[in-house]
Amino acid sequence: LQRYHLSPSMLCLEITENVLVDRSDERTWSSLRRLSELGCRLSIDDFGTGYCSLSYLHHLPFDQLKIDLLFVSGIDLNPRRRELFAGILSLGRNLGL
């Protein structure tokens, strides 16, 4: 950020849900918290595709939740998919994402 004179707020790191599952150690979490403290935004990408624990949403300062296409594609034809989408959307809104 310093090298290219970029404001931290211009950077949004998109971390896939699977990466969170694979790298769920304190070192990774600490690095993400530090980036957030600097002003970088954090986004969970492909939400709903992995075995994500909701504790990530509680312990890490995410700013955005990107719902996987699986839950959006064909939403008008599939009531169950529509309900899952609505639940994820509600969760994100309630957490301020």
N, C-alpha and C. Protein backbone atom coordinates (compact mmCIF):
# COMPACT_ATOMS: atom_id res chain seq x y z
N LEU A 1 0.83 -1.20 0.00
CA LEU A 1 0.00 0.00 0.00
C LEU A 1 0.87 1.25 0.00
N GLN A 2 1.92 1.24 0.82
CA GLN A 2 2.81 2.40 0.87
C GLN A 2 3.56 2.58 -0.44
N ARG A 3 4.03 1.47 -1.00
CA ARG A 3 4.82 1.53 -2.22
C ARG A 3 4.05 2.22 -3.35
N TYR A 4 2.76 1.95 -3.46
CA TYR A 4 1.95 2.50 -4.54
C TYR A 4 1.06 3.66 -4.09
N HIS A 5 1.28 4.12 -2.88
CA HIS A 5 0.55 5.27 -2.33
C HIS A 5 -0.96 5.06 -2.40
N LEU A 6 -1.39 3.88 -1.98
CA LEU A 6 -2.82 3.56 -1.98
C LEU A 6 -3.39 3.66 -0.58
N SER A 7 -4.56 4.22 -0.50
CA SER A 7 -5.28 4.24 0.76
C SER A 7 -5.77 2.82 1.06
N PRO A 8 -5.63 2.34 2.30
CA PRO A 8 -6.11 1.00 2.64
C PRO A 8 -7.58 0.80 2.31
N SER A 9 -8.36 1.87 2.37
CA SER A 9 -9.80 1.74 2.09
C SER A 9 -10.07 1.39 0.62
N MET A 10 -9.07 1.54 -0.24
CA MET A 10 -9.24 1.20 -1.65
C MET A 10 -9.08 -0.30 -1.91
N LEU A 11 -8.63 -1.02 -0.89
CA LEU A 11 -8.36 -2.45 -1.06
C LEU A 11 -9.44 -3.28 -0.37
N CYS A 12 -10.00 -4.21 -1.13
CA CYS A 12 -10.95 -5.17 -0.57
C CYS A 12 -10.41 -6.56 -0.88
N LEU A 13 -10.06 -7.29 0.16
CA LEU A 13 -9.56 -8.65 -0.02
C LEU A 13 -10.72 -9.61 0.00
N GLU A 14 -10.86 -10.37 -1.07
CA GLU A 14 -11.91 -11.38 -1.15
C GLU A 14 -11.30 -12.73 -0.80
N ILE A 15 -11.75 -13.30 0.29
CA ILE A 15 -11.25 -14.58 0.76
C ILE A 15 -12.36 -15.60 0.58
N THR A 16 -12.08 -16.65 -0.17
CA THR A 16 -13.12 -17.65 -0.38
C THR A 16 -13.37 -18.42 0.91
N GLU A 17 -14.58 -18.89 1.04
CA GLU A 17 -14.96 -19.65 2.22
C GLU A 17 -14.04 -20.86 2.41
N ASN A 18 -13.68 -21.51 1.32
CA ASN A 18 -12.81 -22.69 1.42
C ASN A 18 -11.43 -22.34 1.96
N VAL A 19 -10.90 -21.18 1.61
CA VAL A 19 -9.61 -20.75 2.16
C VAL A 19 -9.74 -20.54 3.66
N LEU A 20 -10.85 -19.98 4.10
CA LEU A 20 -11.06 -19.81 5.54
C LEU A 20 -11.05 -21.14 6.27
N VAL A 21 -11.65 -22.14 5.67
CA VAL A 21 -11.69 -23.47 6.28
C VAL A 21 -10.28 -24.07 6.30
N ASP A 22 -9.57 -23.96 5.17
CA ASP A 22 -8.25 -24.56 5.06
C ASP A 22 -7.19 -23.85 5.89
N ARG A 23 -7.34 -22.55 6.10
CA ARG A 23 -6.33 -21.76 6.81
C ARG A 23 -6.89 -21.14 8.07
N SER A 24 -7.63 -21.91 8.83
CA SER A 24 -8.26 -21.36 10.03
C SER A 24 -7.33 -21.47 11.23
N ASP A 25 -6.24 -20.71 11.17
CA ASP A 25 -5.31 -20.68 12.29
C ASP A 25 -5.18 -19.24 12.80
N GLU A 26 -4.65 -19.11 13.97
CA GLU A 26 -4.57 -17.79 14.60
C GLU A 26 -3.69 -16.82 13.82
N ARG A 27 -2.66 -17.33 13.17
CA ARG A 27 -1.77 -16.46 12.39
C ARG A 27 -2.54 -15.80 11.24
N THR A 28 -3.33 -16.59 10.53
CA THR A 28 -4.13 -16.06 9.43
C THR A 28 -5.16 -15.06 9.95
N TRP A 29 -5.85 -15.45 11.03
CA TRP A 29 -6.88 -14.57 11.60
C TRP A 29 -6.26 -13.25 12.07
N SER A 30 -5.08 -13.34 12.68
CA SER A 30 -4.40 -12.14 13.16
C SER A 30 -4.04 -11.21 12.00
N SER A 31 -3.56 -11.79 10.91
CA SER A 31 -3.21 -10.99 9.72
C SER A 31 -4.44 -10.29 9.15
N LEU A 32 -5.55 -11.01 9.08
CA LEU A 32 -6.79 -10.41 8.56
C LEU A 32 -7.28 -9.29 9.47
N ARG A 33 -7.20 -9.51 10.78
CA ARG A 33 -7.61 -8.46 11.73
C ARG A 33 -6.74 -7.21 11.55
N ARG A 34 -5.44 -7.42 11.39
CA ARG A 34 -4.51 -6.30 11.24
C ARG A 34 -4.82 -5.51 9.96
N LEU A 35 -5.08 -6.21 8.87
CA LEU A 35 -5.44 -5.53 7.61
C LEU A 35 -6.72 -4.71 7.79
N SER A 36 -7.67 -5.26 8.52
CA SER A 36 -8.91 -4.54 8.78
C SER A 36 -8.65 -3.30 9.63
N GLU A 37 -7.79 -3.43 10.62
CA GLU A 37 -7.44 -2.28 11.47
C GLU A 37 -6.78 -1.17 10.67
N LEU A 38 -6.04 -1.55 9.63
CA LEU A 38 -5.39 -0.56 8.76
C LEU A 38 -6.39 0.16 7.86
N GLY A 39 -7.60 -0.43 7.73
CA GLY A 39 -8.63 0.20 6.90
C GLY A 39 -8.99 -0.59 5.66
N CYS A 40 -8.31 -1.73 5.44
CA CYS A 40 -8.66 -2.58 4.30
C CYS A 40 -10.00 -3.25 4.57
N ARG A 41 -10.76 -3.47 3.51
CA ARG A 41 -12.04 -4.16 3.65
C ARG A 41 -11.85 -5.65 3.37
N LEU A 42 -12.64 -6.47 4.06
CA LEU A 42 -12.55 -7.92 3.91
C LEU A 42 -13.90 -8.46 3.45
N SER A 43 -13.83 -9.40 2.52
CA SER A 43 -15.05 -9.98 1.96
C SER A 43 -14.92 -11.50 1.94
N ILE A 44 -15.99 -12.20 2.36
CA ILE A 44 -16.04 -13.65 2.20
C ILE A 44 -16.68 -13.92 0.85
N ASP A 45 -15.95 -14.62 -0.01
CA ASP A 45 -16.44 -14.94 -1.35
C ASP A 45 -16.92 -16.40 -1.38
N ASP A 46 -17.84 -16.69 -2.26
CA ASP A 46 -18.40 -18.04 -2.42
C ASP A 46 -19.06 -18.54 -1.15
N PHE A 47 -19.69 -17.65 -0.41
CA PHE A 47 -20.30 -18.04 0.86
C PHE A 47 -21.38 -19.09 0.62
N GLY A 48 -21.33 -20.14 1.42
CA GLY A 48 -22.32 -21.20 1.34
C GLY A 48 -21.84 -22.44 0.62
N THR A 49 -20.63 -22.39 0.05
CA THR A 49 -20.15 -23.54 -0.73
C THR A 49 -19.31 -24.51 0.08
N GLY A 50 -18.72 -24.04 1.15
CA GLY A 50 -17.82 -24.90 1.92
C GLY A 50 -18.45 -25.33 3.23
N TYR A 51 -17.58 -25.65 4.13
CA TYR A 51 -18.01 -26.08 5.46
C TYR A 51 -17.72 -24.97 6.45
N CYS A 52 -18.11 -23.78 6.11
CA CYS A 52 -17.80 -22.60 6.91
C CYS A 52 -18.54 -22.62 8.24
N SER A 53 -17.78 -22.35 9.25
CA SER A 53 -18.38 -22.18 10.56
C SER A 53 -18.81 -20.72 10.68
N LEU A 54 -19.94 -20.51 11.23
CA LEU A 54 -20.40 -19.12 11.40
C LEU A 54 -19.52 -18.35 12.36
N SER A 55 -18.63 -19.04 13.07
CA SER A 55 -17.73 -18.35 13.99
C SER A 55 -16.80 -17.40 13.24
N TYR A 56 -16.55 -17.65 11.95
CA TYR A 56 -15.73 -16.72 11.17
C TYR A 56 -16.39 -15.35 11.11
N LEU A 57 -17.68 -15.35 10.99
CA LEU A 57 -18.40 -14.08 10.93
C LEU A 57 -18.36 -13.36 12.26
N HIS A 58 -18.20 -14.12 13.32
CA HIS A 58 -18.16 -13.53 14.67
C HIS A 58 -16.75 -13.05 15.03
N HIS A 59 -15.75 -13.81 14.65
CA HIS A 59 -14.38 -13.53 15.09
C HIS A 59 -13.58 -12.64 14.15
N LEU A 60 -13.96 -12.57 12.91
CA LEU A 60 -13.19 -11.79 11.95
C LEU A 60 -14.01 -10.61 11.44
N PRO A 61 -13.35 -9.48 11.21
CA PRO A 61 -14.05 -8.24 10.86
C PRO A 61 -14.39 -8.14 9.37
N PHE A 62 -15.28 -8.99 8.90
CA PHE A 62 -15.66 -8.92 7.49
C PHE A 62 -16.61 -7.77 7.24
N ASP A 63 -16.49 -7.20 6.04
CA ASP A 63 -17.33 -6.07 5.63
C ASP A 63 -18.37 -6.49 4.61
N GLN A 64 -18.15 -7.63 3.98
CA GLN A 64 -18.99 -8.02 2.86
C GLN A 64 -19.11 -9.54 2.80
N LEU A 65 -20.27 -9.99 2.39
CA LEU A 65 -20.55 -11.41 2.22
C LEU A 65 -21.02 -11.61 0.79
N LYS A 66 -20.29 -12.39 0.01
CA LYS A 66 -20.65 -12.62 -1.39
C LYS A 66 -21.23 -14.03 -1.49
N ILE A 67 -22.52 -14.09 -1.74
CA ILE A 67 -23.23 -15.36 -1.80
C ILE A 67 -22.88 -16.08 -3.11
N ASP A 68 -22.57 -17.37 -3.00
CA ASP A 68 -22.19 -18.15 -4.16
C ASP A 68 -23.33 -18.22 -5.18
N LEU A 69 -22.96 -18.29 -6.44
CA LEU A 69 -23.91 -18.35 -7.55
C LEU A 69 -24.88 -19.52 -7.41
N LEU A 70 -24.46 -20.58 -6.77
CA LEU A 70 -25.31 -21.76 -6.56
C LEU A 70 -26.64 -21.38 -5.93
N PHE A 71 -26.63 -20.40 -5.01
CA PHE A 71 -27.84 -20.01 -4.31
C PHE A 71 -28.67 -18.98 -5.08
N VAL A 72 -28.08 -18.38 -6.10
CA VAL A 72 -28.76 -17.35 -6.87
C VAL A 72 -29.31 -17.90 -8.18
N SER A 73 -28.55 -18.78 -8.79
CA SER A 73 -28.95 -19.35 -10.07
C SER A 73 -30.24 -20.17 -9.93
N GLY A 74 -31.23 -19.83 -10.72
CA GLY A 74 -32.51 -20.55 -10.69
C GLY A 74 -33.36 -20.28 -9.47
N ILE A 75 -33.08 -19.19 -8.80
CA ILE A 75 -33.79 -18.86 -7.56
C ILE A 75 -35.29 -18.69 -7.79
N ASP A 76 -35.65 -18.25 -8.98
CA ASP A 76 -37.07 -18.05 -9.28
C ASP A 76 -37.82 -19.37 -9.48
N LEU A 77 -37.09 -20.45 -9.72
CA LEU A 77 -37.72 -21.75 -9.97
C LEU A 77 -37.63 -22.72 -8.79
N ASN A 78 -36.83 -22.36 -7.80
CA ASN A 78 -36.57 -23.29 -6.71
C ASN A 78 -36.88 -22.65 -5.36
N PRO A 79 -38.02 -22.96 -4.75
CA PRO A 79 -38.41 -22.34 -3.49
C PRO A 79 -37.39 -22.59 -2.36
N ARG A 80 -36.82 -23.77 -2.31
CA ARG A 80 -35.83 -24.06 -1.25
C ARG A 80 -34.59 -23.18 -1.40
N ARG A 81 -34.12 -23.03 -2.62
CA ARG A 81 -32.97 -22.17 -2.88
C ARG A 81 -33.30 -20.73 -2.52
N ARG A 82 -34.53 -20.31 -2.82
CA ARG A 82 -34.98 -18.95 -2.49
C ARG A 82 -34.96 -18.74 -0.98
N GLU A 83 -35.41 -19.73 -0.22
CA GLU A 83 -35.42 -19.63 1.25
C GLU A 83 -34.00 -19.59 1.81
N LEU A 84 -33.10 -20.41 1.26
CA LEU A 84 -31.70 -20.37 1.70
C LEU A 84 -31.09 -19.01 1.43
N PHE A 85 -31.35 -18.48 0.24
CA PHE A 85 -30.84 -17.16 -0.12
C PHE A 85 -31.37 -16.10 0.85
N ALA A 86 -32.66 -16.16 1.13
CA ALA A 86 -33.27 -15.18 2.05
C ALA A 86 -32.65 -15.28 3.43
N GLY A 87 -32.37 -16.49 3.88
CA GLY A 87 -31.74 -16.67 5.19
C GLY A 87 -30.34 -16.11 5.24
N ILE A 88 -29.56 -16.37 4.20
CA ILE A 88 -28.19 -15.84 4.14
C ILE A 88 -28.22 -14.32 4.05
N LEU A 89 -29.13 -13.79 3.26
CA LEU A 89 -29.27 -12.34 3.12
C LEU A 89 -29.63 -11.70 4.46
N SER A 90 -30.54 -12.31 5.18
CA SER A 90 -30.95 -11.81 6.49
C SER A 90 -29.78 -11.85 7.47
N LEU A 91 -29.03 -12.93 7.46
CA LEU A 91 -27.86 -13.04 8.32
C LEU A 91 -26.87 -11.92 8.04
N GLY A 92 -26.57 -11.71 6.77
CA GLY A 92 -25.64 -10.64 6.39
C GLY A 92 -26.13 -9.27 6.81
N ARG A 93 -27.39 -9.00 6.60
CA ARG A 93 -27.95 -7.69 6.99
C ARG A 93 -27.90 -7.50 8.50
N ASN A 94 -28.24 -8.54 9.24
CA ASN A 94 -28.23 -8.45 10.71
C ASN A 94 -26.83 -8.22 11.26
N LEU A 95 -25.82 -8.68 10.52
CA LEU A 95 -24.43 -8.48 10.95
C LEU A 95 -23.83 -7.20 10.36
N GLY A 96 -24.62 -6.46 9.61
CA GLY A 96 -24.13 -5.21 9.03
C GLY A 96 -23.22 -5.41 7.83
N LEU A 97 -23.39 -6.53 7.13
CA LEU A 97 -22.53 -6.82 5.97
C LEU A 97 -23.23 -6.42 4.69
